[in-house]
Amino acid sequence: MNQAELTAALAVANTKIGKIREEQTALATSLTAARDALADKVAELKAIIEAGTVTEEVTNALAAVQKSLNEFDDVIPDAPAPQS
């Protein structure tokens, strides 16, 4: 492989890396939005439960959703801290 071929191969690889980065960023954005929407719904349910008497079944359902939300959050990488 000569220098021109190597340069071309590196350019292709770099383009693929950029494409992968964009795809992963879009996926992370979608997952974060889904997690946040679910967290909002959990907060609404929790407020409803705290505002009045509900059955144990509803309380258990909320606990199950909260557990699922935590598990979902655990698989989504945290956003990097802003650089100063």
Protein backbone atom coordinates (compact mmCIF):
# COMPACT_ATOMS: atom_id res chain seq x y z
CA MET A 1 0.00 0.00 0.00
CA ASN A 2 1.43 3.35 -0.97
CA GLN A 3 0.96 6.67 0.77
CA ALA A 4 -1.93 7.79 -1.50
CA GLU A 5 -3.84 4.54 -0.87
CA LEU A 6 -3.22 4.79 2.86
CA THR A 7 -4.39 8.41 2.89
CA ALA A 8 -7.55 7.45 1.03
CA ALA A 9 -8.23 4.51 3.38
CA LEU A 10 -7.75 6.75 6.41
CA ALA A 11 -10.15 9.32 4.95
CA VAL A 12 -12.80 6.61 4.44
CA ALA A 13 -12.27 5.34 7.99
CA ASN A 14 -12.54 8.86 9.38
CA THR A 15 -15.80 9.42 7.48
CA LYS A 16 -17.21 6.19 8.93
CA ILE A 17 -16.18 7.25 12.43
CA GLY A 18 -18.04 10.54 11.94
CA LYS A 19 -21.13 8.68 10.70
CA ILE A 20 -21.05 6.35 13.71
CA ARG A 21 -20.66 9.34 16.06
CA GLU A 22 -23.71 11.03 14.51
CA GLU A 23 -25.79 7.85 14.73
CA GLN A 24 -24.84 7.27 18.35
CA THR A 25 -25.57 10.89 19.25
CA ALA A 26 -29.01 10.64 17.64
CA LEU A 27 -29.70 7.37 19.47
CA ALA A 28 -28.58 8.82 22.78
CA THR A 29 -30.78 11.87 22.22
CA SER A 30 -33.80 9.67 21.48
CA LEU A 31 -33.19 7.45 24.48
CA THR A 32 -32.70 10.43 26.77
CA ALA A 33 -35.95 11.99 25.55
CA ALA A 34 -37.80 8.70 26.13
CA ARG A 35 -36.29 8.37 29.61
CA ASP A 36 -37.23 11.95 30.48
CA ALA A 37 -40.80 11.48 29.23
CA LEU A 38 -41.13 8.33 31.30
CA ALA A 39 -39.70 10.10 34.35
CA ASP A 40 -42.29 12.86 33.92
CA LYS A 41 -45.11 10.30 33.82
CA VAL A 42 -43.74 8.58 36.92
CA ALA A 43 -43.68 11.93 38.72
CA GLU A 44 -47.30 12.56 37.70
CA LEU A 45 -48.36 9.13 38.99
CA LYS A 46 -46.46 9.65 42.22
CA ALA A 47 -48.21 12.99 42.76
CA ILE A 48 -51.60 11.38 42.16
CA ILE A 49 -50.82 8.63 44.66
CA GLU A 50 -49.55 11.11 47.25
CA ALA A 51 -52.65 13.30 46.81
CA GLY A 52 -55.12 10.64 47.85
CA THR A 53 -55.83 7.10 48.82
CA VAL A 54 -55.14 4.53 46.15
CA THR A 55 -55.09 0.78 46.17
CA GLU A 56 -52.01 -1.24 46.91
CA GLU A 57 -52.18 -2.45 43.31
CA VAL A 58 -51.61 1.11 42.02
CA THR A 59 -48.80 1.69 44.49
CA ASN A 60 -47.16 -1.57 43.40
CA ALA A 61 -47.57 -0.61 39.74
CA LEU A 62 -45.82 2.69 40.40
CA ALA A 63 -42.97 0.89 42.15
CA ALA A 64 -42.59 -1.42 39.15
CA VAL A 65 -42.50 1.51 36.73
CA GLN A 66 -39.96 3.34 38.89
CA LYS A 67 -37.78 0.21 38.92
CA SER A 68 -38.03 -0.05 35.13
CA LEU A 69 -37.17 3.63 34.78
CA ASN A 70 -34.07 3.21 36.94
CA GLU A 71 -32.99 0.17 34.92
CA PHE A 72 -33.56 2.11 31.68
CA ASP A 73 -31.57 5.07 33.02
CA ASP A 74 -28.71 2.76 34.00
CA VAL A 75 -28.21 1.59 30.40
CA ILE A 76 -28.15 5.11 28.95
CA PRO A 77 -24.69 6.64 29.21
CA ASP A 78 -24.62 9.89 31.12
CA ALA A 79 -23.88 12.97 29.05
CA PRO A 80 -20.30 14.13 29.37
CA ALA A 81 -19.75 17.00 31.76
CA PRO A 82 -19.43 20.36 29.99
CA GLN A 83 -15.86 21.38 29.43
CA SER A 84 -14.81 24.74 30.76
